[in-house]
Amino acid sequence: DAAAEQSSSGHTSFAKFRSAREAYQAKLAQLDYEERAGKLVRKEEIDREAFEAARLIRDRFLALPQELGGTLVGMTDEKEIIQYLRAKIRDALMDVSNDVSLGA
């Protein structure tokens, strides 16, 4: 009886292993399909693109003081300054948006 029980236990363990392996392979096949279908992208690719987008934003906004300083120095009306800054910030955001969407 002990040998039969051990054989049955070994068969059960193998069946569980085989079932787990098949489930794992099915999940891998599903991931491969979804990646090829464009539903999934690699994390490294997203991280790189996010870094590049953040760098573009940083660089564009750090350039604003030098670009705008000469014009702002001659302005005295607060509302005019605010309008000017808003327009230039909006322009900078559009520039970055276009650069990111074009993959610059």
PDB file of N, CA and C in Angstrom:
ATOM      1  N   ASP A   1       0.809  -1.202   0.000  1.00  0.00           N
ATOM      2  CA  ASP A   1       0.000   0.000   0.000  1.00  0.00           C
ATOM      3  C   ASP A   1       0.853   1.268   0.000  1.00  0.00           C
ATOM      4  N   ALA A   2       1.970   1.241   0.715  1.00  0.00           N
ATOM      5  CA  ALA A   2       2.828   2.418   0.797  1.00  0.00           C
ATOM      6  C   ALA A   2       3.386   2.764  -0.577  1.00  0.00           C
ATOM      7  N   ALA A   3       3.754   1.744  -1.358  1.00  0.00           N
ATOM      8  CA  ALA A   3       4.293   1.986  -2.694  1.00  0.00           C
ATOM      9  C   ALA A   3       3.223   2.575  -3.606  1.00  0.00           C
ATOM     10  N   ALA A   4       2.006   2.073  -3.499  1.00  0.00           N
ATOM     11  CA  ALA A   4       0.905   2.591  -4.321  1.00  0.00           C
ATOM     12  C   ALA A   4       0.589   4.023  -3.935  1.00  0.00           C
ATOM     13  N   GLU A   5       0.630   4.305  -2.621  1.00  0.00           N
ATOM     14  CA  GLU A   5       0.354   5.665  -2.140  1.00  0.00           C
ATOM     15  C   GLU A   5       1.433   6.632  -2.630  1.00  0.00           C
ATOM     16  N   GLN A   6       2.686   6.188  -2.566  1.00  0.00           N
ATOM     17  CA  GLN A   6       3.789   7.031  -3.027  1.00  0.00           C
ATOM     18  C   GLN A   6       3.684   7.268  -4.534  1.00  0.00           C
ATOM     19  N   SER A   7       3.330   6.225  -5.286  1.00  0.00           N
ATOM     20  CA  SER A   7       3.183   6.362  -6.727  1.00  0.00           C
ATOM     21  C   SER A   7       2.055   7.325  -7.061  1.00  0.00           C
ATOM     22  N   SER A   8       0.961   7.219  -6.334  1.00  0.00           N
ATOM     23  CA  SER A   8      -0.173   8.122  -6.543  1.00  0.00           C
ATOM     24  C   SER A   8       0.213   9.547  -6.186  1.00  0.00           C
ATOM     25  N   SER A   9       0.959   9.710  -5.096  1.00  0.00           N
ATOM     26  CA  SER A   9       1.413  11.031  -4.663  1.00  0.00           C
ATOM     27  C   SER A   9       2.367  11.628  -5.692  1.00  0.00           C
ATOM     28  N   GLY A  10       3.264  10.810  -6.221  1.00  0.00           N
ATOM     29  CA  GLY A  10       4.198  11.279  -7.242  1.00  0.00           C
ATOM     30  C   GLY A  10       3.472  11.668  -8.512  1.00  0.00           C
ATOM     31  N   HIS A  11       2.458  10.889  -8.860  1.00  0.00           N
ATOM     32  CA  HIS A  11       1.661  11.197 -10.053  1.00  0.00           C
ATOM     33  C   HIS A  11       0.919  12.517  -9.866  1.00  0.00           C
ATOM     34  N   THR A  12       0.378  12.724  -8.653  1.00  0.00           N
ATOM     35  CA  THR A  12      -0.340  13.964  -8.355  1.00  0.00           C
ATOM     36  C   THR A  12       0.608  15.153  -8.417  1.00  0.00           C
ATOM     37  N   SER A  13       1.807  15.007  -7.855  1.00  0.00           N
ATOM     38  CA  SER A  13       2.790  16.090  -7.885  1.00  0.00           C
ATOM     39  C   SER A  13       3.183  16.429  -9.319  1.00  0.00           C
ATOM     40  N   PHE A  14       3.396  15.393 -10.133  1.00  0.00           N
ATOM     41  CA  PHE A  14       3.756  15.629 -11.526  1.00  0.00           C
ATOM     42  C   PHE A  14       2.612  16.316 -12.269  1.00  0.00           C
ATOM     43  N   ALA A  15       1.392  15.896 -12.011  1.00  0.00           N
ATOM     44  CA  ALA A  15       0.226  16.504 -12.665  1.00  0.00           C
ATOM     45  C   ALA A  15       0.101  17.971 -12.268  1.00  0.00           C
ATOM     46  N   LYS A  16       0.349  18.276 -10.990  1.00  0.00           N
ATOM     47  CA  LYS A  16       0.300  19.671 -10.531  1.00  0.00           C
ATOM     48  C   LYS A  16       1.397  20.494 -11.204  1.00  0.00           C
ATOM     49  N   PHE A  17       2.593  19.915 -11.264  1.00  0.00           N
ATOM     50  CA  PHE A  17       3.707  20.604 -11.916  1.00  0.00           C
ATOM     51  C   PHE A  17       3.386  20.866 -13.387  1.00  0.00           C
ATOM     52  N   ARG A  18       2.881  19.841 -14.051  1.00  0.00           N
ATOM     53  CA  ARG A  18       2.559  19.966 -15.478  1.00  0.00           C
ATOM     54  C   ARG A  18       1.474  21.020 -15.697  1.00  0.00           C
ATOM     55  N   SER A  19       0.477  21.019 -14.841  1.00  0.00           N
ATOM     56  CA  SER A  19      -0.605  22.001 -14.944  1.00  0.00           C
ATOM     57  C   SER A  19      -0.076  23.418 -14.727  1.00  0.00           C
ATOM     58  N   ALA A  20       0.797  23.593 -13.730  1.00  0.00           N
ATOM     59  CA  ALA A  20       1.378  24.908 -13.449  1.00  0.00           C
ATOM     60  C   ALA A  20       2.244  25.366 -14.619  1.00  0.00           C
ATOM     61  N   ARG A  21       3.018  24.438 -15.181  1.00  0.00           N
ATOM     62  CA  ARG A  21       3.872  24.774 -16.324  1.00  0.00           C
ATOM     63  C   ARG A  21       3.032  25.193 -17.530  1.00  0.00           C
ATOM     64  N   GLU A  22       1.959  24.479 -17.787  1.00  0.00           N
ATOM     65  CA  GLU A  22       1.088  24.817 -18.915  1.00  0.00           C
ATOM     66  C   GLU A  22       0.408  26.168 -18.703  1.00  0.00           C
ATOM     67  N   ALA A  23       0.010  26.458 -17.470  1.00  0.00           N
ATOM     68  CA  ALA A  23      -0.605  27.754 -17.170  1.00  0.00           C
ATOM     69  C   ALA A  23       0.410  28.876 -17.385  1.00  0.00           C
ATOM     70  N   TYR A  24       1.649  28.648 -16.949  1.00  0.00           N
ATOM     71  CA  TYR A  24       2.714  29.633 -17.132  1.00  0.00           C
ATOM     72  C   TYR A  24       2.978  29.870 -18.619  1.00  0.00           C
ATOM     73  N   GLN A  25       3.057  28.802 -19.390  1.00  0.00           N
ATOM     74  CA  GLN A  25       3.297  28.936 -20.829  1.00  0.00           C
ATOM     75  C   GLN A  25       2.138  29.661 -21.517  1.00  0.00           C
ATOM     76  N   ALA A  26       0.917  29.414 -21.064  1.00  0.00           N
ATOM     77  CA  ALA A  26      -0.239  30.103 -21.640  1.00  0.00           C
ATOM     78  C   ALA A  26      -0.173  31.597 -21.332  1.00  0.00           C
ATOM     79  N   LYS A  27       0.234  31.935 -20.108  1.00  0.00           N
ATOM     80  CA  LYS A  27       0.368  33.352 -19.745  1.00  0.00           C
ATOM     81  C   LYS A  27       1.453  34.027 -20.576  1.00  0.00           C
ATOM     82  N   LEU A  28       2.575  33.349 -20.773  1.00  0.00           N
ATOM     83  CA  LEU A  28       3.645  33.901 -21.612  1.00  0.00           C
ATOM     84  C   LEU A  28       3.171  34.100 -23.049  1.00  0.00           C
ATOM     85  N   ALA A  29       2.433  33.142 -23.563  1.00  0.00           N
ATOM     86  CA  ALA A  29       1.910  33.266 -24.926  1.00  0.00           C
ATOM     87  C   ALA A  29       0.947  34.445 -25.019  1.00  0.00           C
ATOM     88  N   GLN A  30       0.120  34.625 -23.995  1.00  0.00           N
ATOM     89  CA  GLN A  30      -0.821  35.747 -23.981  1.00  0.00           C
ATOM     90  C   GLN A  30      -0.065  37.077 -23.952  1.00  0.00           C
ATOM     91  N   LEU A  31       0.963  37.179 -23.103  1.00  0.00           N
ATOM     92  CA  LEU A  31       1.767  38.402 -23.041  1.00  0.00           C
ATOM     93  C   LEU A  31       2.456  38.676 -24.374  1.00  0.00           C
ATOM     94  N   ASP A  32       2.997  37.645 -24.980  1.00  0.00           N
ATOM     95  CA  ASP A  32       3.653  37.798 -26.279  1.00  0.00           C
ATOM     96  C   ASP A  32       2.656  38.296 -27.322  1.00  0.00           C
ATOM     97  N   TYR A  33       1.474  37.719 -27.326  1.00  0.00           N
ATOM     98  CA  TYR A  33       0.437  38.150 -28.273  1.00  0.00           C
ATOM     99  C   TYR A  33       0.064  39.612 -28.040  1.00  0.00           C
ATOM    100  N   GLU A  34      -0.175  39.983 -26.785  1.00  0.00           N
ATOM    101  CA  GLU A  34      -0.584  41.355 -26.473  1.00  0.00           C
ATOM    102  C   GLU A  34       0.514  42.356 -26.826  1.00  0.00           C
ATOM    103  N   GLU A  35       1.769  41.972 -26.622  1.00  0.00           N
ATOM    104  CA  GLU A  35       2.874  42.860 -26.993  1.00  0.00           C
ATOM    105  C   GLU A  35       2.924  43.034 -28.513  1.00  0.00           C
ATOM    106  N   ARG A  36       2.805  41.954 -29.238  1.00  0.00           N
ATOM    107  CA  ARG A  36       2.841  42.025 -30.704  1.00  0.00           C
ATOM    108  C   ARG A  36       1.635  42.777 -31.261  1.00  0.00           C
ATOM    109  N   ALA A  37       0.505  42.708 -30.554  1.00  0.00           N
ATOM    110  CA  ALA A  37      -0.712  43.398 -30.999  1.00  0.00           C
ATOM    111  C   ALA A  37      -0.686  44.878 -30.632  1.00  0.00           C
ATOM    112  N   GLY A  38       0.361  45.295 -29.917  1.00  0.00           N
ATOM    113  CA  GLY A  38       0.485  46.704 -29.549  1.00  0.00           C
ATOM    114  C   GLY A  38      -0.262  47.077 -28.284  1.00  0.00           C
ATOM    115  N   LYS A  39      -0.732  46.081 -27.548  1.00  0.00           N
ATOM    116  CA  LYS A  39      -1.453  46.352 -26.305  1.00  0.00           C
ATOM    117  C   LYS A  39      -0.502  46.518 -25.124  1.00  0.00           C
ATOM    118  N   LEU A  40       0.707  46.012 -25.267  1.00  0.00           N
ATOM    119  CA  LEU A  40       1.708  46.098 -24.201  1.00  0.00           C
ATOM    120  C   LEU A  40       2.989  46.710 -24.753  1.00  0.00           C
ATOM    121  N   VAL A  41       3.684  47.440 -23.903  1.00  0.00           N
ATOM    122  CA  VAL A  41       5.004  47.960 -24.256  1.00  0.00           C
ATOM    123  C   VAL A  41       5.958  47.647 -23.113  1.00  0.00           C
ATOM    124  N   ARG A  42       7.212  47.657 -23.418  1.00  0.00           N
ATOM    125  CA  ARG A  42       8.219  47.346 -22.394  1.00  0.00           C
ATOM    126  C   ARG A  42       8.396  48.528 -21.446  1.00  0.00           C
ATOM    127  N   LYS A  43       8.543  48.218 -20.174  1.00  0.00           N
ATOM    128  CA  LYS A  43       8.704  49.231 -19.132  1.00  0.00           C
ATOM    129  C   LYS A  43       9.913  50.116 -19.414  1.00  0.00           C
ATOM    130  N   GLU A  44      11.012  49.523 -19.866  1.00  0.00           N
ATOM    131  CA  GLU A  44      12.225  50.287 -20.142  1.00  0.00           C
ATOM    132  C   GLU A  44      11.971  51.353 -21.206  1.00  0.00           C
ATOM    133  N   GLU A  45      11.155  51.012 -22.199  1.00  0.00           N
ATOM    134  CA  GLU A  45      10.837  51.963 -23.267  1.00  0.00           C
ATOM    135  C   GLU A  45      10.034  53.142 -22.711  1.00  0.00           C
ATOM    136  N   ILE A  46       9.073  52.857 -21.866  1.00  0.00           N
ATOM    137  CA  ILE A  46       8.256  53.912 -21.258  1.00  0.00           C
ATOM    138  C   ILE A  46       9.118  54.780 -20.350  1.00  0.00           C
ATOM    139  N   ASP A  47       9.976  54.157 -19.552  1.00  0.00           N
ATOM    140  CA  ASP A  47      10.865  54.920 -18.670  1.00  0.00           C
ATOM    141  C   ASP A  47      11.752  55.866 -19.472  1.00  0.00           C
ATOM    142  N   ARG A  48      12.310  55.373 -20.574  1.00  0.00           N
ATOM    143  CA  ARG A  48      13.186  56.198 -21.412  1.00  0.00           C
ATOM    144  C   ARG A  48      12.407  57.359 -22.024  1.00  0.00           C
ATOM    145  N   GLU A  49      11.217  57.079 -22.538  1.00  0.00           N
ATOM    146  CA  GLU A  49      10.415  58.136 -23.153  1.00  0.00           C
ATOM    147  C   GLU A  49       9.963  59.172 -22.124  1.00  0.00           C
ATOM    148  N   ALA A  50       9.615  58.718 -20.924  1.00  0.00           N
ATOM    149  CA  ALA A  50       9.216  59.659 -19.866  1.00  0.00           C
ATOM    150  C   ALA A  50      10.398  60.541 -19.474  1.00  0.00           C
ATOM    151  N   PHE A  51      11.587  59.957 -19.382  1.00  0.00           N
ATOM    152  CA  PHE A  51      12.781  60.729 -19.057  1.00  0.00           C
ATOM    153  C   PHE A  51      13.045  61.785 -20.129  1.00  0.00           C
ATOM    154  N   GLU A  52      12.941  61.386 -21.390  1.00  0.00           N
ATOM    155  CA  GLU A  52      13.171  62.323 -22.495  1.00  0.00           C
ATOM    156  C   GLU A  52      12.143  63.453 -22.486  1.00  0.00           C
ATOM    157  N   ALA A  53      10.880  63.124 -22.220  1.00  0.00           N
ATOM    158  CA  ALA A  53       9.835  64.154 -22.166  1.00  0.00           C
ATOM    159  C   ALA A  53      10.112  65.129 -21.024  1.00  0.00           C
ATOM    160  N   ALA A  54      10.486  64.607 -19.870  1.00  0.00           N
ATOM    161  CA  ALA A  54      10.794  65.473 -18.725  1.00  0.00           C
ATOM    162  C   ALA A  54      12.000  66.361 -19.027  1.00  0.00           C
ATOM    163  N   ARG A  55      12.992  65.817 -19.712  1.00  0.00           N
ATOM    164  CA  ARG A  55      14.174  66.606 -20.074  1.00  0.00           C
ATOM    165  C   ARG A  55      13.801  67.735 -21.032  1.00  0.00           C
ATOM    166  N   LEU A  56      12.938  67.445 -22.002  1.00  0.00           N
ATOM    167  CA  LEU A  56      12.486  68.484 -22.934  1.00  0.00           C
ATOM    168  C   LEU A  56      11.750  69.601 -22.198  1.00  0.00           C
ATOM    169  N   ILE A  57      10.882  69.222 -21.273  1.00  0.00           N
ATOM    170  CA  ILE A  57      10.137  70.219 -20.489  1.00  0.00           C
ATOM    171  C   ILE A  57      11.103  71.073 -19.684  1.00  0.00           C
ATOM    172  N   ARG A  58      12.021  70.414 -18.981  1.00  0.00           N
ATOM    173  CA  ARG A  58      13.004  71.137 -18.171  1.00  0.00           C
ATOM    174  C   ARG A  58      13.806  72.114 -19.019  1.00  0.00           C
ATOM    175  N   ASP A  59      14.350  71.629 -20.113  1.00  0.00           N
ATOM    176  CA  ASP A  59      15.189  72.479 -20.961  1.00  0.00           C
ATOM    177  C   ASP A  59      14.414  73.662 -21.527  1.00  0.00           C
ATOM    178  N   ARG A  60      13.181  73.409 -21.952  1.00  0.00           N
ATOM    179  CA  ARG A  60      12.378  74.488 -22.543  1.00  0.00           C
ATOM    180  C   ARG A  60      12.055  75.554 -21.507  1.00  0.00           C
ATOM    181  N   PHE A  61      11.697  75.138 -20.294  1.00  0.00           N
ATOM    182  CA  PHE A  61      11.336  76.109 -19.264  1.00  0.00           C
ATOM    183  C   PHE A  61      12.551  76.828 -18.687  1.00  0.00           C
ATOM    184  N   LEU A  62      13.689  76.155 -18.629  1.00  0.00           N
ATOM    185  CA  LEU A  62      14.900  76.831 -18.164  1.00  0.00           C
ATOM    186  C   LEU A  62      15.382  77.879 -19.165  1.00  0.00           C
ATOM    187  N   ALA A  63      14.979  77.755 -20.415  1.00  0.00           N
ATOM    188  CA  ALA A  63      15.361  78.743 -21.433  1.00  0.00           C
ATOM    189  C   ALA A  63      14.469  79.987 -21.393  1.00  0.00           C
ATOM    190  N   LEU A  64      13.309  79.912 -20.748  1.00  0.00           N
ATOM    191  CA  LEU A  64      12.372  81.039 -20.750  1.00  0.00           C
ATOM    192  C   LEU A  64      12.932  82.333 -20.158  1.00  0.00           C
ATOM    193  N   PRO A  65      13.604  82.328 -19.019  1.00  0.00           N
ATOM    194  CA  PRO A  65      14.082  83.602 -18.471  1.00  0.00           C
ATOM    195  C   PRO A  65      14.964  84.382 -19.443  1.00  0.00           C
ATOM    196  N   GLN A  66      15.882  83.698 -20.094  1.00  0.00           N
ATOM    197  CA  GLN A  66      16.758  84.390 -21.038  1.00  0.00           C
ATOM    198  C   GLN A  66      15.973  84.882 -22.256  1.00  0.00           C
ATOM    199  N   GLU A  67      15.015  84.085 -22.715  1.00  0.00           N
ATOM    200  CA  GLU A  67      14.203  84.487 -23.866  1.00  0.00           C
ATOM    201  C   GLU A  67      13.311  85.686 -23.546  1.00  0.00           C
ATOM    202  N   LEU A  68      12.777  85.721 -22.338  1.00  0.00           N
ATOM    203  CA  LEU A  68      11.764  86.724 -22.000  1.00  0.00           C
ATOM    204  C   LEU A  68      12.308  87.932 -21.251  1.00  0.00           C
ATOM    205  N   GLY A  69      13.480  87.804 -20.678  1.00  0.00           N
ATOM    206  CA  GLY A  69      14.028  88.870 -19.836  1.00  0.00           C
ATOM    207  C   GLY A  69      14.082  90.228 -20.493  1.00  0.00           C
ATOM    208  N   GLY A  70      14.561  90.278 -21.723  1.00  0.00           N
ATOM    209  CA  GLY A  70      14.691  91.556 -22.420  1.00  0.00           C
ATOM    210  C   GLY A  70      13.361  92.255 -22.624  1.00  0.00           C
ATOM    211  N   THR A  71      12.335  91.499 -22.897  1.00  0.00           N
ATOM    212  CA  THR A  71      11.005  92.085 -23.097  1.00  0.00           C
ATOM    213  C   THR A  71      10.384  92.477 -21.766  1.00  0.00           C
ATOM    214  N   LEU A  72      10.524  91.620 -20.773  1.00  0.00           N
ATOM    215  CA  LEU A  72       9.905  91.882 -19.471  1.00  0.00           C
ATOM    216  C   LEU A  72      10.501  93.108 -18.781  1.00  0.00           C
ATOM    217  N   VAL A  73      11.783  93.358 -18.990  1.00  0.00           N
ATOM    218  CA  VAL A  73      12.438  94.478 -18.318  1.00  0.00           C
ATOM    219  C   VAL A  73      11.798  95.811 -18.689  1.00  0.00           C
ATOM    220  N   GLY A  74      11.228  95.892 -19.880  1.00  0.00           N
ATOM    221  CA  GLY A  74      10.600  97.134 -20.309  1.00  0.00           C
ATOM    222  C   GLY A  74       9.119  97.233 -19.972  1.00  0.00           C
ATOM    223  N   MET A  75       8.553  96.180 -19.401  1.00  0.00           N
ATOM    224  CA  MET A  75       7.121  96.188 -19.085  1.00  0.00           C
ATOM    225  C   MET A  75       6.890  96.686 -17.665  1.00  0.00           C
ATOM    226  N   THR A  76       5.832  97.454 -17.478  1.00  0.00           N
ATOM    227  CA  THR A  76       5.514  97.953 -16.136  1.00  0.00           C
ATOM    228  C   THR A  76       4.098  97.590 -15.700  1.00  0.00           C
ATOM    229  N   ASP A  77       3.243  97.247 -16.638  1.00  0.00           N
ATOM    230  CA  ASP A  77       1.856  96.927 -16.312  1.00  0.00           C
ATOM    231  C   ASP A  77       1.742  95.447 -15.912  1.00  0.00           C
ATOM    232  N   GLU A  78       1.275  95.198 -14.690  1.00  0.00           N
ATOM    233  CA  GLU A  78       1.200  93.835 -14.163  1.00  0.00           C
ATOM    234  C   GLU A  78       0.322  92.937 -15.039  1.00  0.00           C
ATOM    235  N   LYS A  79      -0.827  93.424 -15.459  1.00  0.00           N
ATOM    236  CA  LYS A  79      -1.724  92.611 -16.294  1.00  0.00           C
ATOM    237  C   LYS A  79      -1.064  92.254 -17.626  1.00  0.00           C
ATOM    238  N   GLU A  80      -0.353  93.202 -18.194  1.00  0.00           N
ATOM    239  CA  GLU A  80       0.345  92.958 -19.457  1.00  0.00           C
ATOM    240  C   GLU A  80       1.434  91.898 -19.270  1.00  0.00           C
ATOM    241  N   ILE A  81       2.160  91.995 -18.149  1.00  0.00           N
ATOM    242  CA  ILE A  81       3.219  91.021 -17.854  1.00  0.00           C
ATOM    243  C   ILE A  81       2.616  89.629 -17.693  1.00  0.00           C
ATOM    244  N   ILE A  82       1.516  89.537 -16.938  1.00  0.00           N
ATOM    245  CA  ILE A  82       0.863  88.243 -16.718  1.00  0.00           C
ATOM    246  C   ILE A  82       0.375  87.653 -18.036  1.00  0.00           C
ATOM    247  N   GLN A  83      -0.253  88.461 -18.867  1.00  0.00           N
ATOM    248  CA  GLN A  83      -0.719  87.985 -20.178  1.00  0.00           C
ATOM    249  C   GLN A  83       0.443  87.501 -21.038  1.00  0.00           C
ATOM    250  N   TYR A  84       1.507  88.270 -21.037  1.00  0.00           N
ATOM    251  CA  TYR A  84       2.685  87.926 -21.828  1.00  0.00           C
ATOM    252  C   TYR A  84       3.284  86.598 -21.351  1.00  0.00           C
ATOM    253  N   LEU A  85       3.443  86.477 -20.024  1.00  0.00           N
ATOM    254  CA  LEU A  85       4.009  85.244 -19.471  1.00  0.00           C
ATOM    255  C   LEU A  85       3.117  84.043 -19.766  1.00  0.00           C
ATOM    256  N   ARG A  86       1.814  84.205 -19.594  1.00  0.00           N
ATOM    257  CA  ARG A  86       0.892  83.096 -19.891  1.00  0.00           C
ATOM    258  C   ARG A  86       1.007  82.663 -21.351  1.00  0.00           C
ATOM    259  N   ALA A  87       1.062  83.631 -22.242  1.00  0.00           N
ATOM    260  CA  ALA A  87       1.172  83.304 -23.670  1.00  0.00           C
ATOM    261  C   ALA A  87       2.479  82.569 -23.958  1.00  0.00           C
ATOM    262  N   LYS A  88       3.566  83.039 -23.376  1.00  0.00           N
ATOM    263  CA  LYS A  88       4.870  82.408 -23.621  1.00  0.00           C
ATOM    264  C   LYS A  88       4.952  81.018 -22.979  1.00  0.00           C
ATOM    265  N   ILE A  89       4.354  80.870 -21.800  1.00  0.00           N
ATOM    266  CA  ILE A  89       4.325  79.551 -21.155  1.00  0.00           C
ATOM    267  C   ILE A  89       3.475  78.595 -21.988  1.00  0.00           C
ATOM    268  N   ARG A  90       2.344  79.054 -22.467  1.00  0.00           N
ATOM    269  CA  ARG A  90       1.493  78.234 -23.332  1.00  0.00           C
ATOM    270  C   ARG A  90       2.262  77.827 -24.593  1.00  0.00           C
ATOM    271  N   ASP A  91       2.972  78.779 -25.185  1.00  0.00           N
ATOM    272  CA  ASP A  91       3.787  78.469 -26.369  1.00  0.00           C
ATOM    273  C   ASP A  91       4.845  77.407 -26.053  1.00  0.00           C
ATOM    274  N   ALA A  92       5.489  77.558 -24.900  1.00  0.00           N
ATOM    275  CA  ALA A  92       6.523  76.594 -24.500  1.00  0.00           C
ATOM    276  C   ALA A  92       5.911  75.205 -24.312  1.00  0.00           C
ATOM    277  N   LEU A  93       4.737  75.156 -23.692  1.00  0.00           N
ATOM    278  CA  LEU A  93       4.067  73.867 -23.500  1.00  0.00           C
ATOM    279  C   LEU A  93       3.670  73.240 -24.838  1.00  0.00           C
ATOM    280  N   MET A  94       3.214  74.049 -25.762  1.00  0.00           N
ATOM    281  CA  MET A  94       2.867  73.536 -27.092  1.00  0.00           C
ATOM    282  C   MET A  94       4.113  73.032 -27.820  1.00  0.00           C
ATOM    283  N   ASP A  95       5.216  73.764 -27.690  1.00  0.00           N
ATOM    284  CA  ASP A  95       6.478  73.322 -28.300  1.00  0.00           C
ATOM    285  C   ASP A  95       6.880  71.949 -27.766  1.00  0.00           C
ATOM    286  N   VAL A  96       6.828  71.809 -26.448  1.00  0.00           N
ATOM    287  CA  VAL A  96       7.201  70.536 -25.821  1.00  0.00           C
ATOM    288  C   VAL A  96       6.239  69.441 -26.263  1.00  0.00           C
ATOM    289  N   SER A  97       4.957  69.751 -26.269  1.00  0.00           N
ATOM    290  CA  SER A  97       3.956  68.766 -26.691  1.00  0.00           C
ATOM    291  C   SER A  97       4.216  68.294 -28.117  1.00  0.00           C
ATOM    292  N   ASN A  98       4.513  69.220 -28.998  1.00  0.00           N
ATOM    293  CA  ASN A  98       4.817  68.858 -30.389  1.00  0.00           C
ATOM    294  C   ASN A  98       6.093  68.031 -30.484  1.00  0.00           C
ATOM    295  N   ASP A  99       7.115  68.423 -29.726  1.00  0.00           N
ATOM    296  CA  ASP A  99       8.377  67.677 -29.744  1.00  0.00           C
ATOM    297  C   ASP A  99       8.179  66.254 -29.236  1.00  0.00           C
ATOM    298  N   VAL A 100       7.402  66.108 -28.165  1.00  0.00           N
ATOM    299  CA  VAL A 100       7.168  64.781 -27.585  1.00  0.00           C
ATOM    300  C   VAL A 100       6.347  63.925 -28.546  1.00  0.00           C
ATOM    301  N   SER A 101       5.309  64.497 -29.144  1.00  0.00           N
ATOM    302  CA  SER A 101       4.470  63.704 -30.046  1.00  0.00           C
ATOM    303  C   SER A 101       5.198  63.330 -31.334  1.00  0.00           C
ATOM    304  N   LEU A 102       6.183  64.130 -31.725  1.00  0.00           N
ATOM    305  CA  LEU A 102       6.975  63.813 -32.912  1.00  0.00           C
ATOM    306  C   LEU A 102       8.149  62.898 -32.590  1.00  0.00           C
ATOM    307  N   GLY A 103       8.353  62.655 -31.296  1.00  0.00           N
ATOM    308  CA  GLY A 103       9.451  61.784 -30.897  1.00  0.00           C
ATOM    309  C   GLY A 103      10.802  62.435 -30.987  1.00  0.00           C
ATOM    310  N   ALA A 104      10.844  63.744 -30.763  1.00  0.00           N
ATOM    311  CA  ALA A 104      12.111  64.487 -30.857  1.00  0.00           C
ATOM    312  C   ALA A 104      13.079  64.085 -29.779  1.00  0.00           C
TER     313      ALA A 104
END
